[in-house]
């Protein structure tokens, strides 16, 4: 059985994910376990700048954390406890250069 995104050529899958935002990507990751692990690598460009608000953090904490890593360069925290979130981001390997 073939599964999207592995059944399509890689360049086409990257093109598809150019049209998704972070929230869409996280929703796609909720489809199944395979998508949960594969989608972050196709949508890596989405996670260079990260806006974390109480709504986005509560709705997608686990999915969002799995997308994060060294590609995260800018993080904006909106009305949140910055220390606990920054510690969680560091554990994912985020290399934060700007914190807004």
PDB file of N, CA and C in Angstrom:
ATOM      1  N   UNK A   1       0.843  -1.178   0.000  1.00  0.00           N
ATOM      2  CA  UNK A   1       0.000   0.000   0.000  1.00  0.00           C
ATOM      3  C   UNK A   1       0.888   1.241   0.000  1.00  0.00           C
ATOM      4  N   UNK A   2       0.637   2.160  -0.927  1.00  0.00           N
ATOM      5  CA  UNK A   2       1.406   3.393  -1.010  1.00  0.00           C
ATOM      6  C   UNK A   2       0.741   4.484  -0.182  1.00  0.00           C
ATOM      7  N   UNK A   3       1.570   5.270   0.453  1.00  0.00           N
ATOM      8  CA  UNK A   3       1.063   6.351   1.286  1.00  0.00           C
ATOM      9  C   UNK A   3       1.629   7.676   0.805  1.00  0.00           C
ATOM     10  N   UNK A   4       0.769   8.684   0.761  1.00  0.00           N
ATOM     11  CA  UNK A   4       1.259  10.030   0.586  1.00  0.00           C
ATOM     12  C   UNK A   4       1.936  10.368   1.902  1.00  0.00           C
ATOM     13  N   UNK A   5       3.049  10.989   1.976  1.00  0.00           N
ATOM     14  CA  UNK A   5       3.794  11.623   0.914  1.00  0.00           C
ATOM     15  C   UNK A   5       4.856  10.746   0.263  1.00  0.00           C
ATOM     16  N   UNK A   6       5.037   9.503   0.720  1.00  0.00           N
ATOM     17  CA  UNK A   6       6.117   8.673   0.184  1.00  0.00           C
ATOM     18  C   UNK A   6       5.837   8.121  -1.206  1.00  0.00           C
ATOM     19  N   UNK A   7       4.602   8.168  -1.667  1.00  0.00           N
ATOM     20  CA  UNK A   7       4.289   7.626  -2.984  1.00  0.00           C
ATOM     21  C   UNK A   7       4.520   8.640  -4.106  1.00  0.00           C
ATOM     22  N   UNK A   8       4.801   9.883  -3.760  1.00  0.00           N
ATOM     23  CA  UNK A   8       5.063  10.930  -4.747  1.00  0.00           C
ATOM     24  C   UNK A   8       6.551  11.264  -4.773  1.00  0.00           C
ATOM     25  N   UNK A   9       7.033  11.791  -5.895  1.00  0.00           N
ATOM     26  CA  UNK A   9       8.425  12.245  -5.932  1.00  0.00           C
ATOM     27  C   UNK A   9       8.657  13.341  -4.883  1.00  0.00           C
ATOM     28  N   UNK A  10       9.837  13.322  -4.296  1.00  0.00           N
ATOM     29  CA  UNK A  10      10.174  14.247  -3.215  1.00  0.00           C
ATOM     30  C   UNK A  10       9.980  15.700  -3.590  1.00  0.00           C
ATOM     31  N   UNK A  11      10.384  16.092  -4.806  1.00  0.00           N
ATOM     32  CA  UNK A  11      10.250  17.501  -5.187  1.00  0.00           C
ATOM     33  C   UNK A  11       8.792  17.938  -5.278  1.00  0.00           C
ATOM     34  N   UNK A  12       7.907  17.043  -5.639  1.00  0.00           N
ATOM     35  CA  UNK A  12       6.471  17.369  -5.682  1.00  0.00           C
ATOM     36  C   UNK A  12       5.927  17.537  -4.266  1.00  0.00           C
ATOM     37  N   UNK A  13       6.335  16.663  -3.369  1.00  0.00           N
ATOM     38  CA  UNK A  13       5.881  16.771  -1.977  1.00  0.00           C
ATOM     39  C   UNK A  13       6.355  18.084  -1.361  1.00  0.00           C
ATOM     40  N   UNK A  14       7.618  18.461  -1.604  1.00  0.00           N
ATOM     41  CA  UNK A  14       8.112  19.747  -1.106  1.00  0.00           C
ATOM     42  C   UNK A  14       7.293  20.898  -1.682  1.00  0.00           C
ATOM     43  N   UNK A  15       6.923  20.801  -2.955  1.00  0.00           N
ATOM     44  CA  UNK A  15       6.107  21.852  -3.584  1.00  0.00           C
ATOM     45  C   UNK A  15       4.743  21.962  -2.924  1.00  0.00           C
ATOM     46  N   UNK A  16       4.153  20.848  -2.588  1.00  0.00           N
ATOM     47  CA  UNK A  16       2.846  20.854  -1.916  1.00  0.00           C
ATOM     48  C   UNK A  16       2.954  21.547  -0.566  1.00  0.00           C
ATOM     49  N   UNK A  17       3.985  21.220   0.189  1.00  0.00           N
ATOM     50  CA  UNK A  17       4.116  21.774   1.529  1.00  0.00           C
ATOM     51  C   UNK A  17       4.494  23.242   1.540  1.00  0.00           C
ATOM     52  N   UNK A  18       4.902  23.793   0.422  1.00  0.00           N
ATOM     53  CA  UNK A  18       5.162  25.238   0.339  1.00  0.00           C
ATOM     54  C   UNK A  18       3.878  26.035   0.524  1.00  0.00           C
ATOM     55  N   UNK A  19       2.734  25.406   0.247  1.00  0.00           N
ATOM     56  CA  UNK A  19       1.445  26.094   0.340  1.00  0.00           C
ATOM     57  C   UNK A  19       0.777  25.944   1.700  1.00  0.00           C
ATOM     58  N   UNK A  20       1.384  25.193   2.615  1.00  0.00           N
ATOM     59  CA  UNK A  20       0.802  24.988   3.936  1.00  0.00           C
ATOM     60  C   UNK A  20       1.448  25.914   4.956  1.00  0.00           C
ATOM     61  N   UNK A  21       0.673  26.308   5.951  1.00  0.00           N
ATOM     62  CA  UNK A  21       1.246  27.061   7.050  1.00  0.00           C
ATOM     63  C   UNK A  21       1.490  26.099   8.220  1.00  0.00           C
ATOM     64  N   UNK A  22       1.987  26.613   9.334  1.00  0.00           N
ATOM     65  CA  UNK A  22       2.311  25.755  10.468  1.00  0.00           C
ATOM     66  C   UNK A  22       1.088  25.002  10.992  1.00  0.00           C
ATOM     67  N   UNK A  23      -0.029  25.692  11.103  1.00  0.00           N
ATOM     68  CA  UNK A  23      -1.234  25.044  11.626  1.00  0.00           C
ATOM     69  C   UNK A  23      -1.697  23.923  10.704  1.00  0.00           C
ATOM     70  N   UNK A  24      -1.656  24.151   9.391  1.00  0.00           N
ATOM     71  CA  UNK A  24      -2.039  23.113   8.437  1.00  0.00           C
ATOM     72  C   UNK A  24      -1.112  21.905   8.541  1.00  0.00           C
ATOM     73  N   UNK A  25       0.165  22.174   8.689  1.00  0.00           N
ATOM     74  CA  UNK A  25       1.152  21.109   8.799  1.00  0.00           C
ATOM     75  C   UNK A  25       0.887  20.251  10.036  1.00  0.00           C
ATOM     76  N   UNK A  26       0.616  20.905  11.149  1.00  0.00           N
ATOM     77  CA  UNK A  26       0.335  20.180  12.381  1.00  0.00           C
ATOM     78  C   UNK A  26      -0.936  19.346  12.223  1.00  0.00           C
ATOM     79  N   UNK A  27      -1.948  19.873  11.572  1.00  0.00           N
ATOM     80  CA  UNK A  27      -3.170  19.106  11.328  1.00  0.00           C
ATOM     81  C   UNK A  27      -2.883  17.879  10.467  1.00  0.00           C
ATOM     82  N   UNK A  28      -2.050  18.032   9.454  1.00  0.00           N
ATOM     83  CA  UNK A  28      -1.677  16.896   8.605  1.00  0.00           C
ATOM     84  C   UNK A  28      -0.954  15.825   9.418  1.00  0.00           C
ATOM     85  N   UNK A  29      -0.156  16.254  10.370  1.00  0.00           N
ATOM     86  CA  UNK A  29       0.586  15.305  11.192  1.00  0.00           C
ATOM     87  C   UNK A  29      -0.333  14.465  12.069  1.00  0.00           C
ATOM     88  N   UNK A  30      -1.530  14.920  12.289  1.00  0.00           N
ATOM     89  CA  UNK A  30      -2.484  14.185  13.118  1.00  0.00           C
ATOM     90  C   UNK A  30      -3.210  13.084  12.347  1.00  0.00           C
ATOM     91  N   UNK A  31      -2.973  12.983  11.048  1.00  0.00           N
ATOM     92  CA  UNK A  31      -3.662  11.983  10.228  1.00  0.00           C
ATOM     93  C   UNK A  31      -3.286  10.569  10.648  1.00  0.00           C
ATOM     94  N   UNK A  32      -1.999  10.301  10.737  1.00  0.00           N
ATOM     95  CA  UNK A  32      -1.553   8.966  11.132  1.00  0.00           C
ATOM     96  C   UNK A  32      -0.111   9.044  11.624  1.00  0.00           C
ATOM     97  N   UNK A  33       0.352   7.948  12.200  1.00  0.00           N
ATOM     98  CA  UNK A  33       1.700   7.896  12.765  1.00  0.00           C
ATOM     99  C   UNK A  33       2.768   8.138  11.698  1.00  0.00           C
ATOM    100  N   UNK A  34       2.593   7.576  10.520  1.00  0.00           N
ATOM    101  CA  UNK A  34       3.569   7.756   9.443  1.00  0.00           C
ATOM    102  C   UNK A  34       3.703   9.236   9.072  1.00  0.00           C
ATOM    103  N   UNK A  35       2.577   9.919   8.894  1.00  0.00           N
ATOM    104  CA  UNK A  35       2.613  11.345   8.552  1.00  0.00           C
ATOM    105  C   UNK A  35       3.235  12.141   9.693  1.00  0.00           C
ATOM    106  N   UNK A  36       2.942  11.747  10.926  1.00  0.00           N
ATOM    107  CA  UNK A  36       3.475  12.446  12.095  1.00  0.00           C
ATOM    108  C   UNK A  36       5.000  12.514  12.029  1.00  0.00           C
ATOM    109  N   UNK A  37       5.624  11.424  11.619  1.00  0.00           N
ATOM    110  CA  UNK A  37       7.086  11.376  11.583  1.00  0.00           C
ATOM    111  C   UNK A  37       7.686  11.898  10.279  1.00  0.00           C
ATOM    112  N   UNK A  38       6.947  11.847   9.170  1.00  0.00           N
ATOM    113  CA  UNK A  38       7.505  12.237   7.877  1.00  0.00           C
ATOM    114  C   UNK A  38       7.318  13.715   7.539  1.00  0.00           C
ATOM    115  N   UNK A  39       6.199  14.274   7.892  1.00  0.00           N
ATOM    116  CA  UNK A  39       5.861  15.633   7.464  1.00  0.00           C
ATOM    117  C   UNK A  39       6.853  16.698   7.932  1.00  0.00           C
ATOM    118  N   UNK A  40       7.371  16.649   9.147  1.00  0.00           N
ATOM    119  CA  UNK A  40       8.329  17.700   9.528  1.00  0.00           C
ATOM    120  C   UNK A  40       9.515  17.838   8.578  1.00  0.00           C
ATOM    121  N   UNK A  41       9.969  16.752   7.994  1.00  0.00           N
ATOM    122  CA  UNK A  41      11.112  16.848   7.084  1.00  0.00           C
ATOM    123  C   UNK A  41      10.735  17.505   5.761  1.00  0.00           C
ATOM    124  N   UNK A  42       9.479  17.423   5.363  1.00  0.00           N
ATOM    125  CA  UNK A  42       9.032  18.064   4.125  1.00  0.00           C
ATOM    126  C   UNK A  42       8.684  19.531   4.328  1.00  0.00           C
ATOM    127  N   UNK A  43       8.357  19.906   5.545  1.00  0.00           N
ATOM    128  CA  UNK A  43       7.909  21.278   5.824  1.00  0.00           C
ATOM    129  C   UNK A  43       8.908  22.016   6.696  1.00  0.00           C
ATOM    130  N   UNK A  44      10.161  21.683   6.582  1.00  0.00           N
ATOM    131  CA  UNK A  44      11.191  22.261   7.445  1.00  0.00           C
ATOM    132  C   UNK A  44      11.247  23.785   7.333  1.00  0.00           C
ATOM    133  N   UNK A  45      10.946  24.328   6.156  1.00  0.00           N
ATOM    134  CA  UNK A  45      10.976  25.784   5.953  1.00  0.00           C
ATOM    135  C   UNK A  45       9.958  26.514   6.827  1.00  0.00           C
ATOM    136  N   UNK A  46       8.904  25.821   7.251  1.00  0.00           N
ATOM    137  CA  UNK A  46       7.856  26.450   8.064  1.00  0.00           C
ATOM    138  C   UNK A  46       8.307  26.770   9.479  1.00  0.00           C
ATOM    139  N   UNK A  47       9.359  26.155   9.917  1.00  0.00           N
ATOM    140  CA  UNK A  47       9.708  26.236  11.326  1.00  0.00           C
ATOM    141  C   UNK A  47      10.913  27.125  11.601  1.00  0.00           C
ATOM    142  N   UNK A  48      11.368  27.888  10.607  1.00  0.00           N
ATOM    143  CA  UNK A  48      12.479  28.814  10.840  1.00  0.00           C
ATOM    144  C   UNK A  48      12.052  29.944  11.774  1.00  0.00           C
ATOM    145  N   UNK A  49      10.823  30.407  11.609  1.00  0.00           N
ATOM    146  CA  UNK A  49      10.267  31.442  12.482  1.00  0.00           C
ATOM    147  C   UNK A  49       9.039  30.848  13.160  1.00  0.00           C
ATOM    148  N   UNK A  50       9.009  30.921  14.452  1.00  0.00           N
ATOM    149  CA  UNK A  50       7.970  30.258  15.211  1.00  0.00           C
ATOM    150  C   UNK A  50       7.250  31.260  16.100  1.00  0.00           C
ATOM    151  N   UNK A  51       5.935  31.347  15.964  1.00  0.00           N
ATOM    152  CA  UNK A  51       5.101  32.167  16.844  1.00  0.00           C
ATOM    153  C   UNK A  51       4.347  31.208  17.749  1.00  0.00           C
ATOM    154  N   UNK A  52       4.574  31.346  19.031  1.00  0.00           N
ATOM    155  CA  UNK A  52       3.892  30.481  19.989  1.00  0.00           C
ATOM    156  C   UNK A  52       2.971  31.338  20.833  1.00  0.00           C
ATOM    157  N   UNK A  53       1.684  31.065  20.714  1.00  0.00           N
ATOM    158  CA  UNK A  53       0.674  31.751  21.518  1.00  0.00           C
ATOM    159  C   UNK A  53       0.011  30.704  22.417  1.00  0.00           C
ATOM    160  N   UNK A  54      -0.745  31.138  23.426  1.00  0.00           N
ATOM    161  CA  UNK A  54      -1.427  30.154  24.273  1.00  0.00           C
ATOM    162  C   UNK A  54      -2.318  29.209  23.462  1.00  0.00           C
ATOM    163  N   UNK A  55      -2.976  29.735  22.439  1.00  0.00           N
ATOM    164  CA  UNK A  55      -3.872  28.903  21.638  1.00  0.00           C
ATOM    165  C   UNK A  55      -3.089  27.860  20.830  1.00  0.00           C
ATOM    166  N   UNK A  56      -2.042  28.286  20.156  1.00  0.00           N
ATOM    167  CA  UNK A  56      -1.282  27.346  19.328  1.00  0.00           C
ATOM    168  C   UNK A  56      -0.530  26.338  20.188  1.00  0.00           C
ATOM    169  N   UNK A  57      -0.034  26.762  21.332  1.00  0.00           N
ATOM    170  CA  UNK A  57       0.735  25.871  22.188  1.00  0.00           C
ATOM    171  C   UNK A  57      -0.151  24.775  22.769  1.00  0.00           C
ATOM    172  N   UNK A  58      -1.336  25.129  23.229  1.00  0.00           N
ATOM    173  CA  UNK A  58      -2.237  24.135  23.806  1.00  0.00           C
ATOM    174  C   UNK A  58      -2.785  23.183  22.756  1.00  0.00           C
ATOM    175  N   UNK A  59      -3.082  23.695  21.575  1.00  0.00           N
ATOM    176  CA  UNK A  59      -3.714  22.877  20.536  1.00  0.00           C
ATOM    177  C   UNK A  59      -2.752  21.900  19.888  1.00  0.00           C
ATOM    178  N   UNK A  60      -1.477  22.245  19.821  1.00  0.00           N
ATOM    179  CA  UNK A  60      -0.579  21.410  19.024  1.00  0.00           C
ATOM    180  C   UNK A  60       0.785  21.200  19.664  1.00  0.00           C
ATOM    181  N   UNK A  61       0.859  21.218  20.970  1.00  0.00           N
ATOM    182  CA  UNK A  61       2.128  21.137  21.670  1.00  0.00           C
ATOM    183  C   UNK A  61       2.988  19.973  21.191  1.00  0.00           C
ATOM    184  N   UNK A  62       2.491  18.760  21.236  1.00  0.00           N
ATOM    185  CA  UNK A  62       3.293  17.589  20.882  1.00  0.00           C
ATOM    186  C   UNK A  62       3.650  17.564  19.401  1.00  0.00           C
ATOM    187  N   UNK A  63       2.680  17.852  18.533  1.00  0.00           N
ATOM    188  CA  UNK A  63       2.971  17.866  17.096  1.00  0.00           C
ATOM    189  C   UNK A  63       3.965  18.958  16.758  1.00  0.00           C
ATOM    190  N   UNK A  64       3.775  20.119  17.336  1.00  0.00           N
ATOM    191  CA  UNK A  64       4.669  21.230  17.046  1.00  0.00           C
ATOM    192  C   UNK A  64       6.086  20.914  17.511  1.00  0.00           C
ATOM    193  N   UNK A  65       6.229  20.365  18.709  1.00  0.00           N
ATOM    194  CA  UNK A  65       7.563  20.055  19.220  1.00  0.00           C
ATOM    195  C   UNK A  65       8.294  19.064  18.324  1.00  0.00           C
ATOM    196  N   UNK A  66       7.567  18.146  17.707  1.00  0.00           N
ATOM    197  CA  UNK A  66       8.225  17.168  16.838  1.00  0.00           C
ATOM    198  C   UNK A  66       8.732  17.799  15.547  1.00  0.00           C
ATOM    199  N   UNK A  67       8.237  18.972  15.189  1.00  0.00           N
ATOM    200  CA  UNK A  67       8.675  19.678  13.984  1.00  0.00           C
ATOM    201  C   UNK A  67       9.908  20.524  14.234  1.00  0.00           C
ATOM    202  N   UNK A  68      10.250  20.724  15.471  1.00  0.00           N
ATOM    203  CA  UNK A  68      11.290  21.678  15.805  1.00  0.00           C
ATOM    204  C   UNK A  68      12.652  21.027  15.909  1.00  0.00           C
ATOM    205  N   UNK A  69      13.637  21.831  15.661  1.00  0.00           N
ATOM    206  CA  UNK A  69      15.014  21.373  15.743  1.00  0.00           C
ATOM    207  C   UNK A  69      15.942  22.513  15.391  1.00  0.00           C
ATOM    208  N   UNK A  70      17.113  22.204  14.859  1.00  0.00           N
ATOM    209  CA  UNK A  70      18.103  23.240  14.572  1.00  0.00           C
ATOM    210  C   UNK A  70      17.649  24.287  13.555  1.00  0.00           C
ATOM    211  N   UNK A  71      16.597  23.985  12.781  1.00  0.00           N
ATOM    212  CA  UNK A  71      16.143  24.951  11.784  1.00  0.00           C
ATOM    213  C   UNK A  71      15.433  26.148  12.411  1.00  0.00           C
ATOM    214  N   UNK A  72      14.971  26.036  13.658  1.00  0.00           N
ATOM    215  CA  UNK A  72      14.282  27.149  14.314  1.00  0.00           C
ATOM    216  C   UNK A  72      15.308  28.223  14.659  1.00  0.00           C
ATOM    217  N   UNK A  73      15.108  29.415  14.119  1.00  0.00           N
ATOM    218  CA  UNK A  73      16.040  30.510  14.341  1.00  0.00           C
ATOM    219  C   UNK A  73      15.409  31.686  15.071  1.00  0.00           C
ATOM    220  N   UNK A  74      14.111  31.859  14.929  1.00  0.00           N
ATOM    221  CA  UNK A  74      13.431  32.984  15.558  1.00  0.00           C
ATOM    222  C   UNK A  74      12.169  32.486  16.243  1.00  0.00           C
ATOM    223  N   UNK A  75      12.019  32.833  17.506  1.00  0.00           N
ATOM    224  CA  UNK A  75      10.850  32.415  18.276  1.00  0.00           C
ATOM    225  C   UNK A  75      10.205  33.658  18.866  1.00  0.00           C
ATOM    226  N   UNK A  76       8.894  33.778  18.683  1.00  0.00           N
ATOM    227  CA  UNK A  76       8.125  34.849  19.307  1.00  0.00           C
ATOM    228  C   UNK A  76       7.130  34.202  20.252  1.00  0.00           C
ATOM    229  N   UNK A  77       7.208  34.562  21.528  1.00  0.00           N
ATOM    230  CA  UNK A  77       6.296  34.035  22.534  1.00  0.00           C
ATOM    231  C   UNK A  77       5.260  35.099  22.852  1.00  0.00           C
ATOM    232  N   UNK A  78       4.008  34.735  22.725  1.00  0.00           N
ATOM    233  CA  UNK A  78       2.913  35.669  22.928  1.00  0.00           C
ATOM    234  C   UNK A  78       2.131  35.277  24.181  1.00  0.00           C
ATOM    235  N   UNK A  79       2.311  36.039  25.256  1.00  0.00           N
ATOM    236  CA  UNK A  79       1.554  35.847  26.500  1.00  0.00           C
ATOM    237  C   UNK A  79       1.762  34.467  27.130  1.00  0.00           C
ATOM    238  N   UNK A  80       2.988  33.982  27.121  1.00  0.00           N
ATOM    239  CA  UNK A  80       3.257  32.665  27.675  1.00  0.00           C
ATOM    240  C   UNK A  80       4.392  32.703  28.687  1.00  0.00           C
ATOM    241  N   UNK A  81       4.503  31.645  29.476  1.00  0.00           N
ATOM    242  CA  UNK A  81       5.614  31.474  30.402  1.00  0.00           C
ATOM    243  C   UNK A  81       6.847  31.100  29.585  1.00  0.00           C
ATOM    244  N   UNK A  82       7.679  32.071  29.322  1.00  0.00           N
ATOM    245  CA  UNK A  82       8.807  31.905  28.403  1.00  0.00           C
ATOM    246  C   UNK A  82       9.818  30.871  28.879  1.00  0.00           C
ATOM    247  N   UNK A  83      10.127  30.823  30.151  1.00  0.00           N
ATOM    248  CA  UNK A  83      11.179  29.926  30.642  1.00  0.00           C
ATOM    249  C   UNK A  83      10.871  28.464  30.363  1.00  0.00           C
ATOM    250  N   UNK A  84       9.668  28.010  30.665  1.00  0.00           N
ATOM    251  CA  UNK A  84       9.346  26.597  30.470  1.00  0.00           C
ATOM    252  C   UNK A  84       9.324  26.233  28.983  1.00  0.00           C
ATOM    253  N   UNK A  85       8.839  27.136  28.156  1.00  0.00           N
ATOM    254  CA  UNK A  85       8.783  26.855  26.722  1.00  0.00           C
ATOM    255  C   UNK A  85      10.185  26.860  26.118  1.00  0.00           C
ATOM    256  N   UNK A  86      11.011  27.802  26.505  1.00  0.00           N
ATOM    257  CA  UNK A  86      12.386  27.850  25.990  1.00  0.00           C
ATOM    258  C   UNK A  86      13.135  26.577  26.368  1.00  0.00           C
ATOM    259  N   UNK A  87      12.941  26.082  27.580  1.00  0.00           N
ATOM    260  CA  UNK A  87      13.582  24.830  27.985  1.00  0.00           C
ATOM    261  C   UNK A  87      13.128  23.665  27.115  1.00  0.00           C
ATOM    262  N   UNK A  88      11.841  23.600  26.811  1.00  0.00           N
ATOM    263  CA  UNK A  88      11.338  22.539  25.936  1.00  0.00           C
ATOM    264  C   UNK A  88      11.914  22.674  24.532  1.00  0.00           C
ATOM    265  N   UNK A  89      12.020  23.896  24.030  1.00  0.00           N
ATOM    266  CA  UNK A  89      12.584  24.116  22.700  1.00  0.00           C
ATOM    267  C   UNK A  89      14.051  23.708  22.650  1.00  0.00           C
ATOM    268  N   UNK A  90      14.793  24.010  23.698  1.00  0.00           N
ATOM    269  CA  UNK A  90      16.211  23.623  23.739  1.00  0.00           C
ATOM    270  C   UNK A  90      16.369  22.111  23.688  1.00  0.00           C
ATOM    271  N   UNK A  91      15.469  21.385  24.343  1.00  0.00           N
ATOM    272  CA  UNK A  91      15.535  19.916  24.325  1.00  0.00           C
ATOM    273  C   UNK A  91      15.323  19.341  22.933  1.00  0.00           C
ATOM    274  N   UNK A  92      14.625  20.072  22.067  1.00  0.00           N
ATOM    275  CA  UNK A  92      14.401  19.596  20.702  1.00  0.00           C
ATOM    276  C   UNK A  92      15.581  19.920  19.800  1.00  0.00           C
ATOM    277  N   UNK A  93      16.548  20.672  20.303  1.00  0.00           N
ATOM    278  CA  UNK A  93      17.722  21.020  19.504  1.00  0.00           C
ATOM    279  C   UNK A  93      17.612  22.343  18.787  1.00  0.00           C
ATOM    280  N   UNK A  94      16.621  23.151  19.135  1.00  0.00           N
ATOM    281  CA  UNK A  94      16.454  24.456  18.485  1.00  0.00           C
ATOM    282  C   UNK A  94      17.671  25.330  18.743  1.00  0.00           C
ATOM    283  N   UNK A  95      18.122  25.989  17.714  1.00  0.00           N
ATOM    284  CA  UNK A  95      19.234  26.930  17.810  1.00  0.00           C
ATOM    285  C   UNK A  95      18.655  28.334  17.637  1.00  0.00           C
ATOM    286  N   UNK A  96      18.113  28.877  18.711  1.00  0.00           N
ATOM    287  CA  UNK A  96      17.402  30.147  18.665  1.00  0.00           C
ATOM    288  C   UNK A  96      18.399  31.299  18.651  1.00  0.00           C
ATOM    289  N   UNK A  97      18.324  32.135  17.609  1.00  0.00           N
ATOM    290  CA  UNK A  97      19.203  33.292  17.521  1.00  0.00           C
ATOM    291  C   UNK A  97      18.468  34.578  17.851  1.00  0.00           C
ATOM    292  N   UNK A  98      17.161  34.594  17.700  1.00  0.00           N
ATOM    293  CA  UNK A  98      16.359  35.780  18.000  1.00  0.00           C
ATOM    294  C   UNK A  98      15.147  35.315  18.792  1.00  0.00           C
ATOM    295  N   UNK A  99      14.873  36.027  19.877  1.00  0.00           N
ATOM    296  CA  UNK A  99      13.708  35.731  20.690  1.00  0.00           C
ATOM    297  C   UNK A  99      12.895  36.995  20.810  1.00  0.00           C
ATOM    298  N   UNK A 100      11.680  36.984  20.245  1.00  0.00           N
ATOM    299  CA  UNK A 100      10.852  38.176  20.254  1.00  0.00           C
ATOM    300  C   UNK A 100       9.811  38.133  21.321  1.00  0.00           C
TER     301      UNK A 100
END
